[in-house]
Amino acid sequence: MGKKFWIAFPVTFVLLYVLEFVYHALILSGFYNTHTSGFLPMDVSQSRMWAMPIGFLIWAFIWTYFFHRFATKKDVANGIKHGLSYMVFLFVPTSFINYSVLEITGYCYLWWTIGAIVEGAIIGAVMGVIMAEKPEVAAPAAPAAPPAP
């Protein structure tokens, strides 16, 4: 894991944390305020907030590692593809699993999945920019040998 990985990893962590905050604390806050029955009481939730940055740190590391290790070409387009597929593989199945055991509406999972896919595209694009490989420059061709006499 080279320099680009160690730059992309903390950037992914910060971007993931910020996008999650914007999406959940700002955009979906009205939904959460009207649908409180499926969530922990606020005081309990606040007492467990220490676990959130740890989870985001692990998540960012794994996400960055997968792109670093398995992307055949590292560029913005593949970063977006990687981000989208990572979030779809992560969120769609877990949404169905969580829907079966939590008291949260399918509407909530739908918005979580949409948000995750958008976040995946954004973070993937940034990862692609940071880890972009320099295009290989062909060496100049050697001058042709003069014809033999």
N, C-alpha and C. Protein backbone atom coordinates (compact mmCIF):
# COMPACT_ATOMS: atom_id res chain seq x y z
N MET A 1 0.86 -1.17 0.00
CA MET A 1 0.00 0.00 0.00
C MET A 1 0.90 1.22 0.00
N GLY A 2 0.79 1.96 -1.08
CA GLY A 2 1.67 3.09 -1.26
C GLY A 2 1.09 4.40 -0.76
N LYS A 3 1.76 5.46 -1.17
CA LYS A 3 1.41 6.81 -0.73
C LYS A 3 -0.03 7.18 -1.09
N LYS A 4 -0.47 6.82 -2.29
CA LYS A 4 -1.83 7.18 -2.72
C LYS A 4 -2.88 6.52 -1.83
N PHE A 5 -2.63 5.29 -1.41
CA PHE A 5 -3.57 4.62 -0.50
C PHE A 5 -3.67 5.39 0.81
N TRP A 6 -2.52 5.78 1.36
CA TRP A 6 -2.52 6.45 2.66
C TRP A 6 -3.03 7.88 2.59
N ILE A 7 -3.16 8.41 1.39
CA ILE A 7 -3.84 9.70 1.21
C ILE A 7 -5.35 9.44 1.05
N ALA A 8 -5.70 8.45 0.23
CA ALA A 8 -7.11 8.16 -0.05
C ALA A 8 -7.86 7.67 1.18
N PHE A 9 -7.21 6.89 2.02
CA PHE A 9 -7.88 6.33 3.20
C PHE A 9 -8.42 7.41 4.14
N PRO A 10 -7.62 8.37 4.62
CA PRO A 10 -8.20 9.39 5.50
C PRO A 10 -9.19 10.31 4.78
N VAL A 11 -8.95 10.57 3.50
CA VAL A 11 -9.90 11.40 2.74
C VAL A 11 -11.24 10.67 2.65
N THR A 12 -11.21 9.37 2.40
CA THR A 12 -12.43 8.57 2.35
C THR A 12 -13.14 8.60 3.70
N PHE A 13 -12.38 8.47 4.78
CA PHE A 13 -12.97 8.50 6.13
C PHE A 13 -13.68 9.83 6.37
N VAL A 14 -13.01 10.94 6.11
CA VAL A 14 -13.59 12.26 6.35
C VAL A 14 -14.80 12.49 5.45
N LEU A 15 -14.67 12.15 4.18
CA LEU A 15 -15.77 12.35 3.24
C LEU A 15 -16.97 11.49 3.61
N LEU A 16 -16.73 10.25 3.99
CA LEU A 16 -17.81 9.36 4.41
C LEU A 16 -18.52 9.93 5.64
N TYR A 17 -17.74 10.39 6.61
CA TYR A 17 -18.31 10.94 7.84
C TYR A 17 -19.13 12.19 7.54
N VAL A 18 -18.60 13.08 6.71
CA VAL A 18 -19.31 14.32 6.37
C VAL A 18 -20.58 14.04 5.59
N LEU A 19 -20.49 13.17 4.56
CA LEU A 19 -21.68 12.86 3.76
C LEU A 19 -22.75 12.17 4.58
N GLU A 20 -22.35 11.28 5.46
CA GLU A 20 -23.32 10.62 6.34
C GLU A 20 -24.00 11.64 7.26
N PHE A 21 -23.23 12.58 7.79
CA PHE A 21 -23.80 13.62 8.64
C PHE A 21 -24.79 14.47 7.85
N VAL A 22 -24.38 14.94 6.69
CA VAL A 22 -25.26 15.79 5.87
C VAL A 22 -26.54 15.03 5.54
N TYR A 23 -26.41 13.79 5.13
CA TYR A 23 -27.59 13.04 4.71
C TYR A 23 -28.51 12.72 5.88
N HIS A 24 -27.94 12.20 6.96
CA HIS A 24 -28.79 11.76 8.07
C HIS A 24 -29.18 12.88 9.02
N ALA A 25 -28.26 13.75 9.39
CA ALA A 25 -28.56 14.80 10.36
C ALA A 25 -29.27 16.00 9.75
N LEU A 26 -29.07 16.23 8.47
CA LEU A 26 -29.69 17.40 7.85
C LEU A 26 -30.84 17.02 6.92
N ILE A 27 -30.58 16.18 5.93
CA ILE A 27 -31.60 15.88 4.93
C ILE A 27 -32.71 15.00 5.50
N LEU A 28 -32.36 13.94 6.23
CA LEU A 28 -33.37 13.00 6.74
C LEU A 28 -33.83 13.29 8.17
N SER A 29 -33.39 14.39 8.77
CA SER A 29 -33.74 14.66 10.17
C SER A 29 -35.24 14.76 10.38
N GLY A 30 -35.96 15.37 9.45
CA GLY A 30 -37.41 15.46 9.58
C GLY A 30 -38.07 14.09 9.60
N PHE A 31 -37.58 13.20 8.76
CA PHE A 31 -38.11 11.83 8.75
C PHE A 31 -37.85 11.16 10.10
N TYR A 32 -36.62 11.28 10.61
CA TYR A 32 -36.28 10.64 11.87
C TYR A 32 -37.11 11.21 13.03
N ASN A 33 -37.39 12.50 12.99
CA ASN A 33 -38.18 13.12 14.07
C ASN A 33 -39.62 12.63 14.08
N THR A 34 -40.15 12.23 12.93
CA THR A 34 -41.53 11.75 12.88
C THR A 34 -41.64 10.23 12.98
N HIS A 35 -40.52 9.52 12.89
CA HIS A 35 -40.53 8.06 12.97
C HIS A 35 -39.55 7.60 14.05
N THR A 36 -39.85 7.90 15.28
CA THR A 36 -38.91 7.60 16.37
C THR A 36 -39.02 6.18 16.91
N SER A 37 -40.08 5.46 16.60
CA SER A 37 -40.29 4.16 17.23
C SER A 37 -39.27 3.11 16.83
N GLY A 38 -38.66 3.21 15.68
CA GLY A 38 -37.71 2.18 15.25
C GLY A 38 -36.29 2.40 15.71
N PHE A 39 -36.03 3.49 16.44
CA PHE A 39 -34.67 3.84 16.81
C PHE A 39 -34.49 3.84 18.31
N LEU A 40 -33.23 3.81 18.74
CA LEU A 40 -32.92 3.89 20.16
C LEU A 40 -33.32 5.26 20.70
N PRO A 41 -33.65 5.35 21.99
CA PRO A 41 -33.89 6.67 22.58
C PRO A 41 -32.63 7.53 22.41
N MET A 42 -32.81 8.84 22.28
CA MET A 42 -31.71 9.75 21.98
C MET A 42 -30.59 9.65 23.01
N ASP A 43 -30.91 9.54 24.29
CA ASP A 43 -29.85 9.48 25.30
C ASP A 43 -29.01 8.21 25.14
N VAL A 44 -29.63 7.10 24.82
CA VAL A 44 -28.90 5.85 24.60
C VAL A 44 -28.05 5.97 23.34
N SER A 45 -28.65 6.50 22.29
CA SER A 45 -27.93 6.69 21.04
C SER A 45 -26.71 7.59 21.24
N GLN A 46 -26.88 8.69 21.96
CA GLN A 46 -25.76 9.60 22.21
C GLN A 46 -24.66 8.94 23.03
N SER A 47 -25.03 8.05 23.96
CA SER A 47 -24.02 7.37 24.77
C SER A 47 -23.21 6.36 23.96
N ARG A 48 -23.71 5.97 22.80
CA ARG A 48 -23.01 5.01 21.95
C ARG A 48 -22.32 5.67 20.75
N MET A 49 -22.32 6.98 20.70
CA MET A 49 -21.73 7.69 19.56
C MET A 49 -20.24 7.44 19.40
N TRP A 50 -19.56 7.03 20.44
CA TRP A 50 -18.13 6.74 20.34
C TRP A 50 -17.86 5.65 19.30
N ALA A 51 -18.83 4.77 19.08
CA ALA A 51 -18.63 3.66 18.15
C ALA A 51 -18.71 4.10 16.69
N MET A 52 -19.36 5.22 16.42
CA MET A 52 -19.56 5.65 15.04
C MET A 52 -18.24 5.95 14.32
N PRO A 53 -17.34 6.77 14.88
CA PRO A 53 -16.09 7.02 14.16
C PRO A 53 -15.25 5.75 13.98
N ILE A 54 -15.34 4.84 14.92
CA ILE A 54 -14.60 3.58 14.77
C ILE A 54 -15.16 2.78 13.59
N GLY A 55 -16.49 2.71 13.51
CA GLY A 55 -17.12 2.02 12.39
C GLY A 55 -16.78 2.67 11.06
N PHE A 56 -16.81 4.01 11.00
CA PHE A 56 -16.47 4.71 9.76
C PHE A 56 -15.00 4.52 9.39
N LEU A 57 -14.14 4.46 10.40
CA LEU A 57 -12.71 4.24 10.14
C LEU A 57 -12.48 2.86 9.52
N ILE A 58 -13.10 1.85 10.08
CA ILE A 58 -12.99 0.49 9.54
C ILE A 58 -13.57 0.43 8.14
N TRP A 59 -14.75 1.02 7.98
CA TRP A 59 -15.44 1.04 6.70
C TRP A 59 -14.58 1.72 5.63
N ALA A 60 -14.01 2.88 5.95
CA ALA A 60 -13.18 3.62 5.00
C ALA A 60 -11.93 2.83 4.63
N PHE A 61 -11.33 2.16 5.62
CA PHE A 61 -10.13 1.38 5.34
C PHE A 61 -10.44 0.23 4.38
N ILE A 62 -11.49 -0.51 4.66
CA ILE A 62 -11.85 -1.64 3.81
C ILE A 62 -12.20 -1.16 2.41
N TRP A 63 -12.98 -0.11 2.32
CA TRP A 63 -13.40 0.43 1.03
C TRP A 63 -12.19 0.87 0.21
N THR A 64 -11.29 1.62 0.84
CA THR A 64 -10.10 2.09 0.15
C THR A 64 -9.20 0.92 -0.24
N TYR A 65 -9.06 -0.04 0.66
CA TYR A 65 -8.24 -1.21 0.36
C TYR A 65 -8.78 -1.98 -0.84
N PHE A 66 -10.08 -2.21 -0.88
CA PHE A 66 -10.67 -2.94 -2.01
C PHE A 66 -10.41 -2.23 -3.33
N PHE A 67 -10.55 -0.91 -3.35
CA PHE A 67 -10.29 -0.18 -4.59
C PHE A 67 -8.81 -0.29 -4.95
N HIS A 68 -7.95 -0.07 -3.96
CA HIS A 68 -6.51 -0.14 -4.18
C HIS A 68 -6.09 -1.52 -4.69
N ARG A 69 -6.63 -2.54 -4.09
CA ARG A 69 -6.19 -3.92 -4.38
C ARG A 69 -6.85 -4.51 -5.62
N PHE A 70 -8.14 -4.24 -5.84
CA PHE A 70 -8.87 -4.98 -6.85
C PHE A 70 -9.27 -4.19 -8.10
N ALA A 71 -9.15 -2.89 -8.08
CA ALA A 71 -9.51 -2.12 -9.28
C ALA A 71 -8.43 -2.37 -10.33
N THR A 72 -8.86 -2.83 -11.49
CA THR A 72 -7.89 -3.11 -12.54
C THR A 72 -7.32 -1.84 -13.15
N LYS A 73 -8.12 -0.80 -13.17
CA LYS A 73 -7.66 0.50 -13.63
C LYS A 73 -8.14 1.53 -12.62
N LYS A 74 -7.24 2.36 -12.17
CA LYS A 74 -7.60 3.34 -11.16
C LYS A 74 -7.77 4.70 -11.81
N ASP A 75 -9.04 5.08 -12.00
CA ASP A 75 -9.38 6.38 -12.55
C ASP A 75 -10.76 6.76 -12.03
N VAL A 76 -11.25 7.92 -12.41
CA VAL A 76 -12.53 8.41 -11.89
C VAL A 76 -13.68 7.48 -12.28
N ALA A 77 -13.73 7.07 -13.54
CA ALA A 77 -14.84 6.21 -13.99
C ALA A 77 -14.88 4.91 -13.21
N ASN A 78 -13.73 4.28 -13.02
CA ASN A 78 -13.70 3.04 -12.25
C ASN A 78 -13.93 3.30 -10.76
N GLY A 79 -13.53 4.46 -10.28
CA GLY A 79 -13.83 4.82 -8.90
C GLY A 79 -15.33 4.91 -8.67
N ILE A 80 -16.03 5.53 -9.62
CA ILE A 80 -17.49 5.63 -9.50
C ILE A 80 -18.13 4.24 -9.56
N LYS A 81 -17.69 3.41 -10.50
CA LYS A 81 -18.21 2.04 -10.60
C LYS A 81 -17.96 1.27 -9.32
N HIS A 82 -16.75 1.41 -8.78
CA HIS A 82 -16.39 0.74 -7.54
C HIS A 82 -17.27 1.23 -6.38
N GLY A 83 -17.43 2.54 -6.29
CA GLY A 83 -18.25 3.11 -5.21
C GLY A 83 -19.69 2.67 -5.30
N LEU A 84 -20.24 2.69 -6.51
CA LEU A 84 -21.64 2.25 -6.69
C LEU A 84 -21.81 0.77 -6.35
N SER A 85 -20.93 -0.06 -6.89
CA SER A 85 -21.08 -1.49 -6.63
C SER A 85 -20.84 -1.82 -5.16
N TYR A 86 -19.89 -1.15 -4.53
CA TYR A 86 -19.61 -1.39 -3.12
C TYR A 86 -20.84 -1.08 -2.27
N MET A 87 -21.46 0.06 -2.53
CA MET A 87 -22.63 0.45 -1.74
C MET A 87 -23.84 -0.42 -2.05
N VAL A 88 -24.03 -0.77 -3.31
CA VAL A 88 -25.16 -1.65 -3.66
C VAL A 88 -24.98 -3.01 -2.98
N PHE A 89 -23.78 -3.58 -3.07
CA PHE A 89 -23.52 -4.87 -2.44
C PHE A 89 -23.66 -4.80 -0.93
N LEU A 90 -23.34 -3.67 -0.35
CA LEU A 90 -23.41 -3.51 1.10
C LEU A 90 -24.82 -3.21 1.58
N PHE A 91 -25.50 -2.28 0.93
CA PHE A 91 -26.76 -1.77 1.46
C PHE A 91 -28.01 -2.52 1.05
N VAL A 92 -28.08 -2.96 -0.18
CA VAL A 92 -29.32 -3.61 -0.60
C VAL A 92 -29.60 -4.87 0.22
N PRO A 93 -28.65 -5.80 0.35
CA PRO A 93 -28.95 -6.99 1.16
C PRO A 93 -29.19 -6.67 2.63
N THR A 94 -28.37 -5.77 3.21
CA THR A 94 -28.56 -5.47 4.63
C THR A 94 -29.87 -4.73 4.88
N SER A 95 -30.35 -3.99 3.90
CA SER A 95 -31.65 -3.33 4.07
C SER A 95 -32.76 -4.36 4.20
N PHE A 96 -32.73 -5.39 3.39
CA PHE A 96 -33.75 -6.44 3.51
C PHE A 96 -33.62 -7.19 4.83
N ILE A 97 -32.39 -7.47 5.24
CA ILE A 97 -32.18 -8.17 6.51
C ILE A 97 -32.67 -7.31 7.68
N ASN A 98 -32.27 -6.04 7.70
CA ASN A 98 -32.69 -5.14 8.78
C ASN A 98 -34.19 -4.92 8.78
N TYR A 99 -34.79 -4.83 7.60
CA TYR A 99 -36.24 -4.64 7.50
C TYR A 99 -36.98 -5.78 8.19
N SER A 100 -36.41 -6.97 8.16
CA SER A 100 -37.09 -8.13 8.76
C SER A 100 -37.01 -8.13 10.28
N VAL A 101 -36.10 -7.37 10.87
CA VAL A 101 -35.95 -7.44 12.33
C VAL A 101 -36.09 -6.10 13.06
N LEU A 102 -36.08 -4.99 12.35
CA LEU A 102 -36.19 -3.68 13.01
C LEU A 102 -37.55 -3.05 12.74
N GLU A 103 -37.95 -2.17 13.61
CA GLU A 103 -39.23 -1.48 13.46
C GLU A 103 -39.09 -0.21 12.64
N ILE A 104 -38.53 -0.34 11.47
CA ILE A 104 -38.34 0.82 10.60
C ILE A 104 -39.05 0.53 9.29
N THR A 105 -39.66 1.53 8.74
CA THR A 105 -40.44 1.33 7.52
C THR A 105 -39.54 1.07 6.31
N GLY A 106 -40.13 0.43 5.32
CA GLY A 106 -39.42 0.21 4.06
C GLY A 106 -39.04 1.52 3.41
N TYR A 107 -39.84 2.55 3.63
CA TYR A 107 -39.56 3.88 3.10
C TYR A 107 -38.21 4.38 3.61
N CYS A 108 -37.92 4.14 4.87
CA CYS A 108 -36.65 4.55 5.46
C CYS A 108 -35.50 3.83 4.77
N TYR A 109 -35.64 2.52 4.57
CA TYR A 109 -34.58 1.76 3.91
C TYR A 109 -34.38 2.21 2.47
N LEU A 110 -35.47 2.56 1.81
CA LEU A 110 -35.37 3.06 0.45
C LEU A 110 -34.49 4.32 0.42
N TRP A 111 -34.76 5.27 1.32
CA TRP A 111 -33.97 6.51 1.35
C TRP A 111 -32.55 6.24 1.78
N TRP A 112 -32.34 5.31 2.71
CA TRP A 112 -30.97 4.96 3.11
C TRP A 112 -30.20 4.39 1.91
N THR A 113 -30.85 3.53 1.15
CA THR A 113 -30.18 2.92 0.00
C THR A 113 -29.88 3.95 -1.08
N ILE A 114 -30.82 4.83 -1.35
CA ILE A 114 -30.58 5.89 -2.34
C ILE A 114 -29.41 6.76 -1.89
N GLY A 115 -29.41 7.16 -0.64
CA GLY A 115 -28.31 7.97 -0.10
C GLY A 115 -26.98 7.25 -0.19
N ALA A 116 -26.98 5.97 0.11
CA ALA A 116 -25.75 5.18 0.07
C ALA A 116 -25.20 5.11 -1.35
N ILE A 117 -26.08 4.95 -2.32
CA ILE A 117 -25.64 4.86 -3.71
C ILE A 117 -25.05 6.20 -4.17
N VAL A 118 -25.68 7.30 -3.79
CA VAL A 118 -25.14 8.62 -4.14
C VAL A 118 -23.79 8.83 -3.45
N GLU A 119 -23.71 8.49 -2.17
CA GLU A 119 -22.44 8.60 -1.45
C GLU A 119 -21.37 7.74 -2.11
N GLY A 120 -21.75 6.54 -2.52
CA GLY A 120 -20.80 5.65 -3.17
C GLY A 120 -20.21 6.25 -4.43
N ALA A 121 -21.06 6.88 -5.23
CA ALA A 121 -20.58 7.50 -6.47
C ALA A 121 -19.63 8.65 -6.16
N ILE A 122 -19.99 9.47 -5.18
CA ILE A 122 -19.15 10.63 -4.83
C ILE A 122 -17.80 10.18 -4.27
N ILE A 123 -17.85 9.29 -3.30
CA ILE A 123 -16.61 8.83 -2.67
C ILE A 123 -15.76 8.04 -3.67
N GLY A 124 -16.41 7.23 -4.49
CA GLY A 124 -15.67 6.49 -5.50
C GLY A 124 -14.96 7.40 -6.48
N ALA A 125 -15.64 8.48 -6.89
CA ALA A 125 -15.02 9.44 -7.81
C ALA A 125 -13.80 10.09 -7.18
N VAL A 126 -13.92 10.49 -5.92
CA VAL A 126 -12.79 11.11 -5.22
C VAL A 126 -11.65 10.11 -5.07
N MET A 127 -11.98 8.87 -4.73
CA MET A 127 -10.96 7.83 -4.61
C MET A 127 -10.25 7.63 -5.96
N GLY A 128 -11.04 7.65 -7.04
CA GLY A 128 -10.46 7.50 -8.37
C GLY A 128 -9.52 8.64 -8.72
N VAL A 129 -9.86 9.86 -8.31
CA VAL A 129 -8.99 11.00 -8.57
C VAL A 129 -7.68 10.84 -7.79
N ILE A 130 -7.79 10.49 -6.52
CA ILE A 130 -6.60 10.39 -5.68
C ILE A 130 -5.68 9.26 -6.14
N MET A 131 -6.27 8.12 -6.47
CA MET A 131 -5.45 6.95 -6.81
C MET A 131 -5.21 6.78 -8.30
N ALA A 132 -5.59 7.78 -9.08
CA ALA A 132 -5.44 7.66 -10.54
C ALA A 132 -4.00 7.31 -10.90
N GLU A 133 -3.90 6.38 -11.81
CA GLU A 133 -2.58 5.97 -12.29
C GLU A 133 -2.16 6.92 -13.41
N LYS A 134 -0.91 7.23 -13.43
CA LYS A 134 -0.40 8.08 -14.50
C LYS A 134 -0.42 7.26 -15.79
N PRO A 135 -0.85 7.88 -16.87
CA PRO A 135 -0.83 7.13 -18.13
C PRO A 135 0.61 6.81 -18.52
N GLU A 136 0.77 5.62 -19.04
CA GLU A 136 2.12 5.22 -19.45
C GLU A 136 2.51 5.99 -20.70
N VAL A 137 3.67 6.55 -20.65
CA VAL A 137 4.18 7.28 -21.80
C VAL A 137 5.13 6.36 -22.54
N ALA A 138 4.85 6.17 -23.79
CA ALA A 138 5.71 5.29 -24.59
C ALA A 138 7.08 5.94 -24.76
N ALA A 139 8.09 5.10 -24.66
CA ALA A 139 9.45 5.60 -24.87
C ALA A 139 9.60 5.98 -26.34
N PRO A 140 10.37 7.02 -26.61
CA PRO A 140 10.56 7.40 -28.02
C PRO A 140 11.20 6.25 -28.77
N ALA A 141 10.75 6.09 -29.98
CA ALA A 141 11.28 5.02 -30.81
C ALA A 141 12.74 5.31 -31.15
N ALA A 142 13.52 4.26 -31.18
CA ALA A 142 14.92 4.42 -31.55
C ALA A 142 14.99 4.76 -33.03
N PRO A 143 15.93 5.57 -33.39
CA PRO A 143 16.04 5.92 -34.82
C PRO A 143 16.31 4.65 -35.63
N ALA A 144 15.78 4.66 -36.81
CA ALA A 144 15.96 3.50 -37.69
C ALA A 144 17.43 3.40 -38.09
N ALA A 145 17.87 2.20 -38.16
CA ALA A 145 19.27 1.97 -38.58
C ALA A 145 19.40 2.27 -40.08
N PRO A 146 20.48 2.83 -40.46
CA PRO A 146 20.65 3.10 -41.88
C PRO A 146 20.70 1.78 -42.66
N PRO A 147 20.27 1.79 -43.88
CA PRO A 147 20.27 0.55 -44.66
C PRO A 147 21.72 0.04 -44.87
N ALA A 148 21.82 -1.23 -44.90
CA ALA A 148 23.15 -1.83 -45.10
C ALA A 148 23.61 -1.59 -46.54
N PRO A 149 24.90 -1.29 -46.76
CA PRO A 149 25.39 -1.03 -48.13
C PRO A 149 25.44 -2.26 -48.98
